[in-house]
Every structure is written in C-alpha cells, then in structure tokens.
C-alpha cells in the first residue's frame, strides 16, 4: 500500500511568499536522516528521486511512499533548510491491498472483512436488536 507525500499538494514558498524554484523535499524515516524510498506510482514499482525537486513554481509531481509515518525536510535549491516536519501521519493509503486500520490493521482487503475482524455487528445482528427494541 502507498501513501502520498504531503507536499504533493503544496507550493513551496520562501518567507516572502515567493515560489521556491528548484526547492528540494527530502523524505526520511521518522526521527532519522535515513532516506525513504520514493515512487511515482501507487504500486510502488517506479522509483523516483529523493530528494524530490520542485519546478519553477515550487511544485512537484505526485510522489508516494510505502504506508506509514515519515519526516520531510524542505530546502532551497542551495540546500538551505526552510522547514522540517517529523512524524507526519501517512493518512489513508491509496491503491489496493489490505486496509489500514489504526493500531496495526487487520489485514482485511474489504471494509466488511475489516468490520468482521474488528468484531463489529453484522446487518442481521443490528436488525435483530432493532426488532427486540421495537417489541
């Protein structure tokens, strides 16, 4: 499963609000300086460069990492650090495969299977309770 890099939706700007042409977005494991593998597709099969280089408008194409939390460091084209964000929540994964459920997941690949694995009530059980309440 993949999650998108949060800066894929942002324009990187300097303190004056001007777009940072050639800005560099480094993606690391949480709390480290260990670079993560970055990809240009949700299947995580097309490797992309890390750091991610922004265009003249301070933007970059959509980039993905394996599902999980991560750290980013945004630098100017001259490698001056602009900001660091650590322990970014990987959000809801994109693509297909096991659904990510908070605190470890269930390994389920459908919402119904995840509900069952988590011990949720079925539609039939809810209907039986509703009938009991109505009676």
N, C-alpha and C. Protein backbone atom coordinates (compact mmCIF):
# COMPACT_ATOMS: atom_id res chain seq x y z
N UNK A 1 0.85 -1.18 0.00
CA UNK A 1 0.00 0.00 0.00
C UNK A 1 0.89 1.25 0.00
N UNK A 2 0.38 2.29 -0.58
CA UNK A 2 1.12 3.53 -0.71
C UNK A 2 0.36 4.68 -0.07
N UNK A 3 1.11 5.69 0.30
CA UNK A 3 0.51 6.95 0.77
C UNK A 3 1.24 8.08 0.04
N UNK A 4 0.51 9.15 -0.22
CA UNK A 4 1.13 10.26 -0.96
C UNK A 4 1.96 11.13 -0.03
N UNK A 5 3.01 11.70 -0.60
CA UNK A 5 3.83 12.66 0.15
C UNK A 5 3.02 13.94 0.28
N UNK A 6 2.93 14.46 1.48
CA UNK A 6 2.05 15.60 1.77
C UNK A 6 2.38 16.83 0.94
N UNK A 7 3.63 17.02 0.57
CA UNK A 7 4.00 18.20 -0.22
C UNK A 7 3.54 18.10 -1.67
N UNK A 8 2.99 16.94 -2.07
CA UNK A 8 2.46 16.81 -3.43
C UNK A 8 1.30 17.77 -3.66
N UNK A 9 0.71 18.28 -2.60
CA UNK A 9 -0.43 19.18 -2.71
C UNK A 9 -0.07 20.64 -2.44
N UNK A 10 1.18 20.91 -2.13
CA UNK A 10 1.58 22.25 -1.71
C UNK A 10 2.51 22.92 -2.70
N UNK A 11 2.50 24.24 -2.64
CA UNK A 11 3.50 25.03 -3.35
C UNK A 11 4.53 25.44 -2.32
N UNK A 12 5.79 25.15 -2.57
CA UNK A 12 6.84 25.51 -1.63
C UNK A 12 7.24 26.96 -1.87
N UNK A 13 7.09 27.78 -0.83
CA UNK A 13 7.39 29.21 -0.94
C UNK A 13 8.39 29.64 0.12
N UNK A 14 9.10 30.73 -0.16
CA UNK A 14 10.03 31.27 0.83
C UNK A 14 9.28 32.13 1.84
N UNK A 15 10.00 32.75 2.75
CA UNK A 15 9.39 33.55 3.81
C UNK A 15 8.61 34.75 3.26
N UNK A 16 8.93 35.18 2.05
CA UNK A 16 8.23 36.30 1.42
C UNK A 16 7.00 35.85 0.65
N UNK A 17 6.78 34.54 0.59
CA UNK A 17 5.64 34.01 -0.15
C UNK A 17 5.91 33.76 -1.62
N UNK A 18 7.17 33.89 -2.03
CA UNK A 18 7.53 33.64 -3.42
C UNK A 18 7.82 32.16 -3.63
N UNK A 19 7.36 31.58 -4.75
CA UNK A 19 7.63 30.16 -5.03
C UNK A 19 9.13 29.89 -5.07
N UNK A 20 9.53 28.76 -4.52
CA UNK A 20 10.94 28.38 -4.48
C UNK A 20 11.26 27.46 -5.64
N UNK A 21 11.77 28.04 -6.71
CA UNK A 21 12.18 27.26 -7.87
C UNK A 21 13.31 26.33 -7.48
N UNK A 22 13.16 25.04 -7.81
CA UNK A 22 14.22 24.08 -7.51
C UNK A 22 14.29 23.64 -6.07
N UNK A 23 13.27 23.97 -5.27
CA UNK A 23 13.27 23.53 -3.87
C UNK A 23 13.42 22.01 -3.81
N UNK A 24 13.99 21.53 -2.72
CA UNK A 24 14.22 20.10 -2.56
C UNK A 24 13.42 19.60 -1.36
N UNK A 25 12.67 18.52 -1.57
CA UNK A 25 11.89 17.90 -0.50
C UNK A 25 12.52 16.55 -0.20
N UNK A 26 13.17 16.46 0.96
CA UNK A 26 13.77 15.20 1.39
C UNK A 26 12.75 14.43 2.22
N UNK A 27 12.65 13.13 2.01
CA UNK A 27 11.71 12.29 2.74
C UNK A 27 12.51 11.25 3.51
N UNK A 28 12.31 11.23 4.85
CA UNK A 28 13.09 10.36 5.74
C UNK A 28 12.18 9.47 6.58
N UNK A 29 12.80 8.42 7.13
CA UNK A 29 12.12 7.66 8.18
C UNK A 29 11.92 8.60 9.36
N UNK A 30 10.87 8.39 10.12
CA UNK A 30 10.56 9.23 11.28
C UNK A 30 11.76 9.33 12.23
N UNK A 31 12.08 10.56 12.63
CA UNK A 31 13.11 10.80 13.63
C UNK A 31 14.53 10.49 13.20
N UNK A 32 14.77 10.32 11.89
CA UNK A 32 16.11 9.96 11.42
C UNK A 32 16.52 10.82 10.24
N UNK A 33 17.70 10.52 9.73
CA UNK A 33 18.15 11.09 8.47
C UNK A 33 18.33 9.97 7.44
N UNK A 34 17.59 8.89 7.63
CA UNK A 34 17.60 7.76 6.69
C UNK A 34 16.56 8.03 5.61
N UNK A 35 17.03 8.21 4.37
CA UNK A 35 16.12 8.50 3.27
C UNK A 35 15.17 7.33 3.02
N UNK A 36 13.92 7.65 2.76
CA UNK A 36 12.92 6.64 2.40
C UNK A 36 12.92 6.45 0.89
N UNK A 37 12.46 5.30 0.45
CA UNK A 37 12.27 5.06 -0.97
C UNK A 37 11.02 5.81 -1.41
N UNK A 38 11.14 6.55 -2.50
CA UNK A 38 10.06 7.36 -3.04
C UNK A 38 9.71 6.82 -4.42
N UNK A 39 8.40 6.87 -4.75
CA UNK A 39 7.93 6.29 -6.01
C UNK A 39 7.00 7.26 -6.73
N UNK A 40 6.85 7.06 -8.03
CA UNK A 40 5.95 7.91 -8.81
C UNK A 40 4.62 7.23 -9.10
N UNK A 41 4.42 6.01 -8.55
CA UNK A 41 3.16 5.30 -8.76
C UNK A 41 2.69 4.65 -7.46
N UNK A 42 1.38 4.40 -7.37
CA UNK A 42 0.81 3.82 -6.14
C UNK A 42 1.18 2.36 -5.95
N UNK A 43 1.62 1.69 -7.00
CA UNK A 43 2.05 0.30 -6.88
C UNK A 43 3.46 0.21 -6.29
N UNK A 44 4.10 1.36 -6.12
CA UNK A 44 5.46 1.45 -5.58
C UNK A 44 6.45 0.65 -6.43
N UNK A 45 6.26 0.73 -7.75
CA UNK A 45 7.14 -0.01 -8.65
C UNK A 45 8.04 0.90 -9.49
N UNK A 46 7.72 2.18 -9.56
CA UNK A 46 8.53 3.13 -10.34
C UNK A 46 9.26 4.07 -9.39
N UNK A 47 10.52 3.75 -9.14
CA UNK A 47 11.32 4.54 -8.20
C UNK A 47 11.45 5.98 -8.69
N UNK A 48 11.45 6.90 -7.74
CA UNK A 48 11.62 8.33 -8.03
C UNK A 48 12.75 8.87 -7.16
N UNK A 49 13.27 10.01 -7.52
CA UNK A 49 14.39 10.60 -6.79
C UNK A 49 13.98 11.09 -5.41
N UNK A 50 14.90 10.97 -4.48
CA UNK A 50 14.78 11.53 -3.14
C UNK A 50 16.10 12.22 -2.85
N UNK A 51 16.18 13.55 -2.91
CA UNK A 51 15.08 14.48 -2.73
C UNK A 51 14.24 14.65 -4.00
N UNK A 52 13.01 15.11 -3.74
CA UNK A 52 12.09 15.47 -4.81
C UNK A 52 12.40 16.92 -5.18
N UNK A 53 12.60 17.20 -6.45
CA UNK A 53 12.96 18.55 -6.89
C UNK A 53 11.71 19.26 -7.42
N UNK A 54 11.45 20.44 -6.89
CA UNK A 54 10.28 21.23 -7.31
C UNK A 54 10.58 21.98 -8.61
N UNK A 55 9.52 22.28 -9.35
CA UNK A 55 9.65 23.04 -10.59
C UNK A 55 9.77 24.54 -10.28
N UNK A 56 9.72 25.36 -11.31
CA UNK A 56 9.90 26.81 -11.12
C UNK A 56 8.79 27.44 -10.32
N UNK A 57 7.64 26.76 -10.20
CA UNK A 57 6.52 27.27 -9.41
C UNK A 57 6.53 26.72 -7.98
N UNK A 58 7.59 25.97 -7.63
CA UNK A 58 7.69 25.42 -6.28
C UNK A 58 6.82 24.20 -6.05
N UNK A 59 6.44 23.53 -7.12
CA UNK A 59 5.58 22.34 -7.02
C UNK A 59 6.31 21.12 -7.57
N UNK A 60 5.81 19.94 -7.16
CA UNK A 60 6.36 18.71 -7.73
C UNK A 60 5.22 17.74 -8.03
N UNK A 61 5.51 16.79 -8.91
CA UNK A 61 4.53 15.77 -9.26
C UNK A 61 4.18 14.93 -8.04
N UNK A 62 3.05 14.24 -8.12
CA UNK A 62 2.61 13.37 -7.04
C UNK A 62 3.70 12.31 -6.80
N UNK A 63 4.03 12.12 -5.54
CA UNK A 63 5.02 11.12 -5.15
C UNK A 63 4.46 10.31 -4.00
N UNK A 64 4.90 9.05 -3.90
CA UNK A 64 4.35 8.11 -2.93
C UNK A 64 5.47 7.40 -2.17
N UNK A 65 5.12 6.93 -0.97
CA UNK A 65 6.00 6.07 -0.18
C UNK A 65 5.15 4.91 0.33
N UNK A 66 5.81 3.90 0.87
CA UNK A 66 5.07 2.82 1.50
C UNK A 66 4.30 3.39 2.68
N UNK A 67 3.11 2.84 2.95
CA UNK A 67 2.24 3.34 4.00
C UNK A 67 2.99 3.41 5.33
N UNK A 68 2.79 4.51 6.04
CA UNK A 68 3.41 4.71 7.34
C UNK A 68 3.76 6.17 7.54
N UNK A 69 4.21 6.49 8.73
CA UNK A 69 4.59 7.86 9.04
C UNK A 69 5.96 8.16 8.47
N UNK A 70 6.25 9.45 8.30
CA UNK A 70 7.52 9.85 7.71
C UNK A 70 7.89 11.27 8.14
N UNK A 71 9.07 11.69 7.74
CA UNK A 71 9.59 13.03 8.04
C UNK A 71 9.96 13.69 6.72
N UNK A 72 9.71 15.01 6.61
CA UNK A 72 10.19 15.75 5.44
C UNK A 72 11.06 16.91 5.89
N UNK A 73 12.02 17.23 5.06
CA UNK A 73 12.84 18.42 5.23
C UNK A 73 12.81 19.14 3.88
N UNK A 74 12.33 20.38 3.89
CA UNK A 74 12.27 21.17 2.67
C UNK A 74 13.45 22.15 2.69
N UNK A 75 14.20 22.14 1.58
CA UNK A 75 15.37 23.01 1.46
C UNK A 75 15.28 23.82 0.17
N UNK A 76 15.99 24.93 0.15
CA UNK A 76 16.09 25.72 -1.06
C UNK A 76 16.94 24.96 -2.07
N UNK A 77 17.02 25.49 -3.28
CA UNK A 77 17.88 24.86 -4.30
C UNK A 77 19.35 24.91 -3.89
N UNK A 78 19.70 25.81 -2.95
CA UNK A 78 21.07 25.92 -2.44
C UNK A 78 21.27 25.11 -1.16
N UNK A 79 20.31 24.23 -0.84
CA UNK A 79 20.37 23.33 0.32
C UNK A 79 20.30 24.03 1.67
N UNK A 80 19.61 25.16 1.73
CA UNK A 80 19.35 25.84 3.00
C UNK A 80 18.00 25.33 3.51
N UNK A 81 17.98 24.79 4.73
CA UNK A 81 16.74 24.24 5.28
C UNK A 81 15.71 25.34 5.51
N UNK A 82 14.50 25.13 4.97
CA UNK A 82 13.40 26.06 5.13
C UNK A 82 12.51 25.60 6.28
N UNK A 83 12.18 24.31 6.30
CA UNK A 83 11.43 23.75 7.42
C UNK A 83 11.55 22.24 7.46
N UNK A 84 11.27 21.71 8.64
CA UNK A 84 11.27 20.27 8.88
C UNK A 84 9.96 19.90 9.54
N UNK A 85 9.35 18.81 9.10
CA UNK A 85 8.15 18.27 9.75
C UNK A 85 8.42 16.79 9.99
N UNK A 86 8.31 16.38 11.24
CA UNK A 86 8.59 14.99 11.60
C UNK A 86 7.31 14.30 12.06
N UNK A 87 7.32 13.00 11.93
CA UNK A 87 6.21 12.15 12.36
C UNK A 87 4.90 12.54 11.68
N UNK A 88 4.97 12.73 10.36
CA UNK A 88 3.78 13.02 9.57
C UNK A 88 2.98 11.74 9.43
N UNK A 89 1.72 11.79 9.77
CA UNK A 89 0.85 10.63 9.65
C UNK A 89 0.68 10.30 8.18
N UNK A 90 0.86 9.04 7.83
CA UNK A 90 0.77 8.61 6.44
C UNK A 90 -0.62 8.67 5.86
N UNK A 91 -1.62 9.06 6.62
CA UNK A 91 -3.00 9.20 6.17
C UNK A 91 -3.55 7.90 5.58
N UNK A 92 -4.66 8.01 4.89
CA UNK A 92 -5.30 6.85 4.30
C UNK A 92 -4.51 6.41 3.08
N UNK A 93 -4.16 5.13 3.00
CA UNK A 93 -3.39 4.66 1.86
C UNK A 93 -4.20 4.72 0.57
N UNK A 94 -3.48 4.83 -0.54
CA UNK A 94 -4.10 4.80 -1.85
C UNK A 94 -3.73 3.50 -2.53
N UNK A 95 -4.51 3.10 -3.51
CA UNK A 95 -4.23 1.86 -4.21
C UNK A 95 -5.09 0.74 -3.69
N UNK A 96 -4.60 -0.47 -3.80
CA UNK A 96 -5.36 -1.63 -3.36
C UNK A 96 -4.53 -2.45 -2.39
N UNK A 97 -5.18 -3.40 -1.74
CA UNK A 97 -4.50 -4.24 -0.77
C UNK A 97 -5.18 -4.15 0.57
N UNK A 98 -4.48 -4.54 1.62
CA UNK A 98 -5.04 -4.55 2.97
C UNK A 98 -5.40 -3.13 3.40
N UNK A 99 -6.55 -2.98 4.03
CA UNK A 99 -6.97 -1.69 4.53
C UNK A 99 -6.19 -1.33 5.78
N UNK A 100 -5.75 -0.10 5.87
CA UNK A 100 -5.02 0.34 7.06
C UNK A 100 -6.03 0.68 8.14
N UNK A 101 -5.97 0.01 9.26
CA UNK A 101 -6.81 0.28 10.41
C UNK A 101 -5.87 0.74 11.53
N UNK A 102 -6.25 1.78 12.24
CA UNK A 102 -5.40 2.34 13.29
C UNK A 102 -4.89 1.24 14.22
N UNK A 103 -3.66 1.39 14.68
CA UNK A 103 -3.01 0.48 15.63
C UNK A 103 -2.79 -0.92 15.08
N UNK A 104 -2.29 -1.01 13.87
CA UNK A 104 -1.81 -2.30 13.38
C UNK A 104 -2.58 -2.92 12.25
N UNK A 105 -3.81 -2.55 12.03
CA UNK A 105 -4.56 -3.10 10.92
C UNK A 105 -5.07 -4.51 11.17
N UNK A 106 -5.89 -4.97 10.27
CA UNK A 106 -6.48 -6.30 10.39
C UNK A 106 -6.02 -7.23 9.29
N UNK A 107 -5.42 -6.68 8.25
CA UNK A 107 -5.05 -7.48 7.10
C UNK A 107 -6.21 -7.68 6.14
N UNK A 108 -7.37 -7.13 6.45
CA UNK A 108 -8.55 -7.28 5.60
C UNK A 108 -8.39 -6.46 4.32
N UNK A 109 -9.02 -6.93 3.25
CA UNK A 109 -8.95 -6.21 1.99
C UNK A 109 -10.28 -5.60 1.59
N UNK A 110 -11.31 -5.76 2.42
CA UNK A 110 -12.60 -5.10 2.19
C UNK A 110 -13.07 -4.49 3.51
N UNK A 111 -13.95 -3.52 3.40
CA UNK A 111 -14.47 -2.89 4.61
C UNK A 111 -15.26 -3.90 5.45
N UNK A 112 -16.05 -4.76 4.79
CA UNK A 112 -16.83 -5.78 5.51
C UNK A 112 -15.94 -6.75 6.27
N UNK A 113 -14.86 -7.18 5.65
CA UNK A 113 -13.93 -8.11 6.31
C UNK A 113 -13.24 -7.42 7.48
N UNK A 114 -12.90 -6.13 7.32
CA UNK A 114 -12.28 -5.39 8.42
C UNK A 114 -13.25 -5.26 9.58
N UNK A 115 -14.53 -4.96 9.28
CA UNK A 115 -15.55 -4.84 10.31
C UNK A 115 -15.69 -6.16 11.07
N UNK A 116 -15.71 -7.26 10.34
CA UNK A 116 -15.82 -8.57 10.96
C UNK A 116 -14.60 -8.88 11.83
N UNK A 117 -13.41 -8.58 11.30
CA UNK A 117 -12.18 -8.85 12.06
C UNK A 117 -12.11 -8.02 13.34
N UNK A 118 -12.74 -6.86 13.32
CA UNK A 118 -12.75 -6.00 14.49
C UNK A 118 -13.90 -6.32 15.44
N UNK A 119 -14.73 -7.32 15.08
CA UNK A 119 -15.83 -7.73 15.95
C UNK A 119 -17.06 -6.86 15.84
N UNK A 120 -17.21 -6.15 14.73
CA UNK A 120 -18.37 -5.29 14.55
C UNK A 120 -19.63 -6.10 14.28
N UNK A 121 -20.77 -5.52 14.60
CA UNK A 121 -22.05 -6.20 14.38
C UNK A 121 -22.38 -6.27 12.90
N UNK A 122 -22.99 -7.39 12.50
CA UNK A 122 -23.44 -7.54 11.12
C UNK A 122 -24.78 -6.84 10.95
N UNK A 123 -25.21 -6.70 9.71
CA UNK A 123 -26.51 -6.09 9.43
C UNK A 123 -27.63 -6.93 10.04
N UNK A 124 -27.50 -8.25 9.99
CA UNK A 124 -28.52 -9.13 10.56
C UNK A 124 -28.59 -8.97 12.08
N UNK A 125 -27.43 -8.84 12.73
CA UNK A 125 -27.42 -8.66 14.18
C UNK A 125 -28.05 -7.33 14.55
N UNK A 126 -27.79 -6.29 13.79
CA UNK A 126 -28.38 -4.99 14.06
C UNK A 126 -29.90 -5.02 13.85
N UNK A 127 -30.35 -5.75 12.83
CA UNK A 127 -31.79 -5.88 12.58
C UNK A 127 -32.46 -6.62 13.73
N UNK A 128 -31.81 -7.64 14.28
CA UNK A 128 -32.37 -8.40 15.40
C UNK A 128 -32.49 -7.51 16.63
N UNK A 129 -31.49 -6.69 16.89
CA UNK A 129 -31.54 -5.78 18.03
C UNK A 129 -32.67 -4.76 17.83
N UNK A 130 -32.80 -4.24 16.61
CA UNK A 130 -33.85 -3.27 16.32
C UNK A 130 -35.23 -3.89 16.52
N UNK A 131 -35.38 -5.15 16.13
CA UNK A 131 -36.65 -5.85 16.32
C UNK A 131 -36.96 -6.05 17.80
N UNK A 132 -35.91 -6.39 18.57
CA UNK A 132 -36.09 -6.57 20.02
C UNK A 132 -36.51 -5.25 20.68
N UNK A 133 -35.88 -4.16 20.28
CA UNK A 133 -36.19 -2.84 20.84
C UNK A 133 -37.62 -2.44 20.48
N UNK A 134 -38.02 -2.71 19.25
CA UNK A 134 -39.36 -2.37 18.79
C UNK A 134 -40.44 -3.17 19.54
N UNK A 135 -40.11 -4.43 19.90
CA UNK A 135 -41.06 -5.29 20.59
C UNK A 135 -41.17 -4.82 22.03
